[in-house]
Amino acid sequence: MNKIVLIVLAIFLPPVAVFLKNGAGKDLLINIVLCFVFFFPAVVHALWLVTK
């Protein structure tokens, strides 16, 4: 998938970006928990996974 699209998704819908990049796994679960705790850490986590 296009990296720019993944970065935009990581900003607005972090779990979707993580799912499209890595599939369903521990990274997705971590990101969903981060979304429930606070949105900003989920965005940072998603951006880190998408850009690495």
PDB file of N, CA and C in Angstrom:
ATOM      1  N   MET A   1       0.841  -1.175   0.000  1.00  0.00           N
ATOM      2  CA  MET A   1       0.000   0.000   0.000  1.00  0.00           C
ATOM      3  C   MET A   1       0.886   1.238   0.000  1.00  0.00           C
ATOM      4  N   ASN A   2       0.374   2.315  -0.562  1.00  0.00           N
ATOM      5  CA  ASN A   2       1.126   3.549  -0.669  1.00  0.00           C
ATOM      6  C   ASN A   2       1.466   4.094   0.723  1.00  0.00           C
ATOM      7  N   LYS A   3       2.711   4.464   0.932  1.00  0.00           N
ATOM      8  CA  LYS A   3       3.163   4.908   2.242  1.00  0.00           C
ATOM      9  C   LYS A   3       2.486   6.212   2.670  1.00  0.00           C
ATOM     10  N   ILE A   4       2.210   7.098   1.740  1.00  0.00           N
ATOM     11  CA  ILE A   4       1.543   8.360   2.080  1.00  0.00           C
ATOM     12  C   ILE A   4       0.135   8.099   2.593  1.00  0.00           C
ATOM     13  N   VAL A   5      -0.575   7.169   1.961  1.00  0.00           N
ATOM     14  CA  VAL A   5      -1.921   6.810   2.415  1.00  0.00           C
ATOM     15  C   VAL A   5      -1.856   6.219   3.818  1.00  0.00           C
ATOM     16  N   LEU A   6      -0.871   5.385   4.083  1.00  0.00           N
ATOM     17  CA  LEU A   6      -0.719   4.795   5.412  1.00  0.00           C
ATOM     18  C   LEU A   6      -0.401   5.856   6.466  1.00  0.00           C
ATOM     19  N   ILE A   7       0.383   6.846   6.110  1.00  0.00           N
ATOM     20  CA  ILE A   7       0.708   7.913   7.060  1.00  0.00           C
ATOM     21  C   ILE A   7      -0.533   8.735   7.386  1.00  0.00           C
ATOM     22  N   VAL A   8      -1.335   9.049   6.375  1.00  0.00           N
ATOM     23  CA  VAL A   8      -2.574   9.798   6.619  1.00  0.00           C
ATOM     24  C   VAL A   8      -3.525   8.970   7.484  1.00  0.00           C
ATOM     25  N   LEU A   9      -3.641   7.683   7.184  1.00  0.00           N
ATOM     26  CA  LEU A   9      -4.482   6.810   8.004  1.00  0.00           C
ATOM     27  C   LEU A   9      -3.953   6.711   9.429  1.00  0.00           C
ATOM     28  N   ALA A  10      -2.636   6.706   9.591  1.00  0.00           N
ATOM     29  CA  ALA A  10      -2.047   6.622  10.920  1.00  0.00           C
ATOM     30  C   ALA A  10      -2.382   7.846  11.756  1.00  0.00           C
ATOM     31  N   ILE A  11      -2.567   8.977  11.110  1.00  0.00           N
ATOM     32  CA  ILE A  11      -2.902  10.198  11.843  1.00  0.00           C
ATOM     33  C   ILE A  11      -4.374  10.202  12.247  1.00  0.00           C
ATOM     34  N   PHE A  12      -5.250   9.775  11.344  1.00  0.00           N
ATOM     35  CA  PHE A  12      -6.685   9.869  11.614  1.00  0.00           C
ATOM     36  C   PHE A  12      -7.287   8.578  12.178  1.00  0.00           C
ATOM     37  N   LEU A  13      -6.837   7.423  11.729  1.00  0.00           N
ATOM     38  CA  LEU A  13      -7.351   6.127  12.175  1.00  0.00           C
ATOM     39  C   LEU A  13      -6.178   5.180  12.434  1.00  0.00           C
ATOM     40  N   PRO A  14      -5.494   5.349  13.554  1.00  0.00           N
ATOM     41  CA  PRO A  14      -4.278   4.565  13.805  1.00  0.00           C
ATOM     42  C   PRO A  14      -4.453   3.047  13.738  1.00  0.00           C
ATOM     43  N   PRO A  15      -5.509   2.451  14.325  1.00  0.00           N
ATOM     44  CA  PRO A  15      -5.616   0.993  14.246  1.00  0.00           C
ATOM     45  C   PRO A  15      -5.783   0.471  12.817  1.00  0.00           C
ATOM     46  N   VAL A  16      -6.443   1.233  11.972  1.00  0.00           N
ATOM     47  CA  VAL A  16      -6.616   0.807  10.581  1.00  0.00           C
ATOM     48  C   VAL A  16      -5.272   0.783   9.867  1.00  0.00           C
ATOM     49  N   ALA A  17      -4.455   1.801  10.095  1.00  0.00           N
ATOM     50  CA  ALA A  17      -3.128   1.845   9.468  1.00  0.00           C
ATOM     51  C   ALA A  17      -2.257   0.693   9.941  1.00  0.00           C
ATOM     52  N   VAL A  18      -2.315   0.395  11.235  1.00  0.00           N
ATOM     53  CA  VAL A  18      -1.521  -0.713  11.775  1.00  0.00           C
ATOM     54  C   VAL A  18      -2.010  -2.033  11.194  1.00  0.00           C
ATOM     55  N   PHE A  19      -3.313  -2.195  11.082  1.00  0.00           N
ATOM     56  CA  PHE A  19      -3.866  -3.430  10.517  1.00  0.00           C
ATOM     57  C   PHE A  19      -3.449  -3.604   9.055  1.00  0.00           C
ATOM     58  N   LEU A  20      -3.511  -2.540   8.278  1.00  0.00           N
ATOM     59  CA  LEU A  20      -3.138  -2.644   6.862  1.00  0.00           C
ATOM     60  C   LEU A  20      -1.651  -2.903   6.684  1.00  0.00           C
ATOM     61  N   LYS A  21      -0.834  -2.398   7.598  1.00  0.00           N
ATOM     62  CA  LYS A  21       0.612  -2.590   7.492  1.00  0.00           C
ATOM     63  C   LYS A  21       1.057  -3.962   8.013  1.00  0.00           C
ATOM     64  N   ASN A  22       0.559  -4.360   9.202  1.00  0.00           N
ATOM     65  CA  ASN A  22       1.069  -5.568   9.851  1.00  0.00           C
ATOM     66  C   ASN A  22       0.050  -6.677  10.007  1.00  0.00           C
ATOM     67  N   GLY A  23      -1.205  -6.423   9.694  1.00  0.00           N
ATOM     68  CA  GLY A  23      -2.228  -7.436   9.888  1.00  0.00           C
ATOM     69  C   GLY A  23      -2.661  -7.509  11.344  1.00  0.00           C
ATOM     70  N   ALA A  24      -3.482  -8.504  11.634  1.00  0.00           N
ATOM     71  CA  ALA A  24      -3.977  -8.676  12.998  1.00  0.00           C
ATOM     72  C   ALA A  24      -2.912  -9.390  13.823  1.00  0.00           C
ATOM     73  N   GLY A  25      -2.472  -8.722  14.871  1.00  0.00           N
ATOM     74  CA  GLY A  25      -1.438  -9.303  15.727  1.00  0.00           C
ATOM     75  C   GLY A  25      -1.263  -8.459  16.959  1.00  0.00           C
ATOM     76  N   LYS A  26      -0.110  -8.628  17.592  1.00  0.00           N
ATOM     77  CA  LYS A  26       0.118  -7.914  18.848  1.00  0.00           C
ATOM     78  C   LYS A  26       0.253  -6.413  18.629  1.00  0.00           C
ATOM     79  N   ASP A  27       0.782  -5.985  17.488  1.00  0.00           N
ATOM     80  CA  ASP A  27       0.894  -4.546  17.219  1.00  0.00           C
ATOM     81  C   ASP A  27      -0.481  -3.894  17.128  1.00  0.00           C
ATOM     82  N   LEU A  28      -1.428  -4.580  16.507  1.00  0.00           N
ATOM     83  CA  LEU A  28      -2.785  -4.061  16.412  1.00  0.00           C
ATOM     84  C   LEU A  28      -3.423  -3.979  17.796  1.00  0.00           C
ATOM     85  N   LEU A  29      -3.227  -4.990  18.607  1.00  0.00           N
ATOM     86  CA  LEU A  29      -3.795  -4.999  19.951  1.00  0.00           C
ATOM     87  C   LEU A  29      -3.204  -3.868  20.793  1.00  0.00           C
ATOM     88  N   ILE A  30      -1.907  -3.665  20.701  1.00  0.00           N
ATOM     89  CA  ILE A  30      -1.254  -2.572  21.431  1.00  0.00           C
ATOM     90  C   ILE A  30      -1.829  -1.234  20.986  1.00  0.00           C
ATOM     91  N   ASN A  31      -2.029  -1.063  19.692  1.00  0.00           N
ATOM     92  CA  ASN A  31      -2.532   0.203  19.187  1.00  0.00           C
ATOM     93  C   ASN A  31      -3.979   0.447  19.606  1.00  0.00           C
ATOM     94  N   ILE A  32      -4.795  -0.584  19.641  1.00  0.00           N
ATOM     95  CA  ILE A  32      -6.178  -0.422  20.083  1.00  0.00           C
ATOM     96  C   ILE A  32      -6.222  -0.022  21.552  1.00  0.00           C
ATOM     97  N   VAL A  33      -5.388  -0.651  22.374  1.00  0.00           N
ATOM     98  CA  VAL A  33      -5.328  -0.283  23.796  1.00  0.00           C
ATOM     99  C   VAL A  33      -4.866   1.165  23.946  1.00  0.00           C
ATOM    100  N   LEU A  34      -3.877   1.568  23.169  1.00  0.00           N
ATOM    101  CA  LEU A  34      -3.414   2.955  23.218  1.00  0.00           C
ATOM    102  C   LEU A  34      -4.504   3.930  22.797  1.00  0.00           C
ATOM    103  N   CYS A  35      -5.331   3.544  21.837  1.00  0.00           N
ATOM    104  CA  CYS A  35      -6.438   4.399  21.409  1.00  0.00           C
ATOM    105  C   CYS A  35      -7.439   4.603  22.535  1.00  0.00           C
ATOM    106  N   PHE A  36      -7.695   3.550  23.303  1.00  0.00           N
ATOM    107  CA  PHE A  36      -8.645   3.675  24.407  1.00  0.00           C
ATOM    108  C   PHE A  36      -8.068   4.496  25.554  1.00  0.00           C
ATOM    109  N   VAL A  37      -6.765   4.376  25.782  1.00  0.00           N
ATOM    110  CA  VAL A  37      -6.125   5.127  26.868  1.00  0.00           C
ATOM    111  C   VAL A  37      -6.046   6.604  26.495  1.00  0.00           C
ATOM    112  N   PHE A  38      -5.459   6.888  25.348  1.00  0.00           N
ATOM    113  CA  PHE A  38      -5.330   8.257  24.867  1.00  0.00           C
ATOM    114  C   PHE A  38      -4.983   8.183  23.388  1.00  0.00           C
ATOM    115  N   PHE A  39      -5.469   9.113  22.598  1.00  0.00           N
ATOM    116  CA  PHE A  39      -5.345   9.022  21.152  1.00  0.00           C
ATOM    117  C   PHE A  39      -3.932   9.309  20.650  1.00  0.00           C
ATOM    118  N   PHE A  40      -3.244  10.286  21.234  1.00  0.00           N
ATOM    119  CA  PHE A  40      -1.928  10.695  20.733  1.00  0.00           C
ATOM    120  C   PHE A  40      -0.886   9.574  20.754  1.00  0.00           C
ATOM    121  N   PRO A  41      -0.761   8.776  21.818  1.00  0.00           N
ATOM    122  CA  PRO A  41       0.207   7.674  21.779  1.00  0.00           C
ATOM    123  C   PRO A  41      -0.108   6.652  20.684  1.00  0.00           C
ATOM    124  N   ALA A  42      -1.381   6.462  20.393  1.00  0.00           N
ATOM    125  CA  ALA A  42      -1.749   5.540  19.315  1.00  0.00           C
ATOM    126  C   ALA A  42      -1.283   6.072  17.964  1.00  0.00           C
ATOM    127  N   VAL A  43      -1.379   7.373  17.772  1.00  0.00           N
ATOM    128  CA  VAL A  43      -0.911   7.983  16.523  1.00  0.00           C
ATOM    129  C   VAL A  43       0.598   7.829  16.394  1.00  0.00           C
ATOM    130  N   VAL A  44       1.313   8.079  17.478  1.00  0.00           N
ATOM    131  CA  VAL A  44       2.776   7.953  17.457  1.00  0.00           C
ATOM    132  C   VAL A  44       3.177   6.505  17.171  1.00  0.00           C
ATOM    133  N   HIS A  45       2.511   5.565  17.823  1.00  0.00           N
ATOM    134  CA  HIS A  45       2.804   4.152  17.616  1.00  0.00           C
ATOM    135  C   HIS A  45       2.526   3.750  16.165  1.00  0.00           C
ATOM    136  N   ALA A  46       1.405   4.184  15.623  1.00  0.00           N
ATOM    137  CA  ALA A  46       1.058   3.848  14.236  1.00  0.00           C
ATOM    138  C   ALA A  46       2.050   4.464  13.254  1.00  0.00           C
ATOM    139  N   LEU A  47       2.413   5.721  13.486  1.00  0.00           N
ATOM    140  CA  LEU A  47       3.390   6.349  12.591  1.00  0.00           C
ATOM    141  C   LEU A  47       4.729   5.643  12.661  1.00  0.00           C
ATOM    142  N   TRP A  48       5.129   5.233  13.846  1.00  0.00           N
ATOM    143  CA  TRP A  48       6.389   4.519  13.996  1.00  0.00           C
ATOM    144  C   TRP A  48       6.349   3.184  13.215  1.00  0.00           C
ATOM    145  N   LEU A  49       5.245   2.464  13.316  1.00  0.00           N
ATOM    146  CA  LEU A  49       5.148   1.184  12.606  1.00  0.00           C
ATOM    147  C   LEU A  49       5.074   1.369  11.093  1.00  0.00           C
ATOM    148  N   VAL A  50       4.365   2.389  10.655  1.00  0.00           N
ATOM    149  CA  VAL A  50       4.207   2.606   9.216  1.00  0.00           C
ATOM    150  C   VAL A  50       5.517   3.048   8.570  1.00  0.00           C
ATOM    151  N   THR A  51       6.288   3.869   9.267  1.00  0.00           N
ATOM    152  CA  THR A  51       7.505   4.416   8.660  1.00  0.00           C
ATOM    153  C   THR A  51       8.741   3.550   8.837  1.00  0.00           C
ATOM    154  N   LYS A  52       8.678   2.525   9.684  1.00  0.00           N
ATOM    155  CA  LYS A  52       9.888   1.712   9.871  1.00  0.00           C
ATOM    156  C   LYS A  52      10.066   0.701   8.765  1.00  0.00           C
TER     157      LYS A  52
END
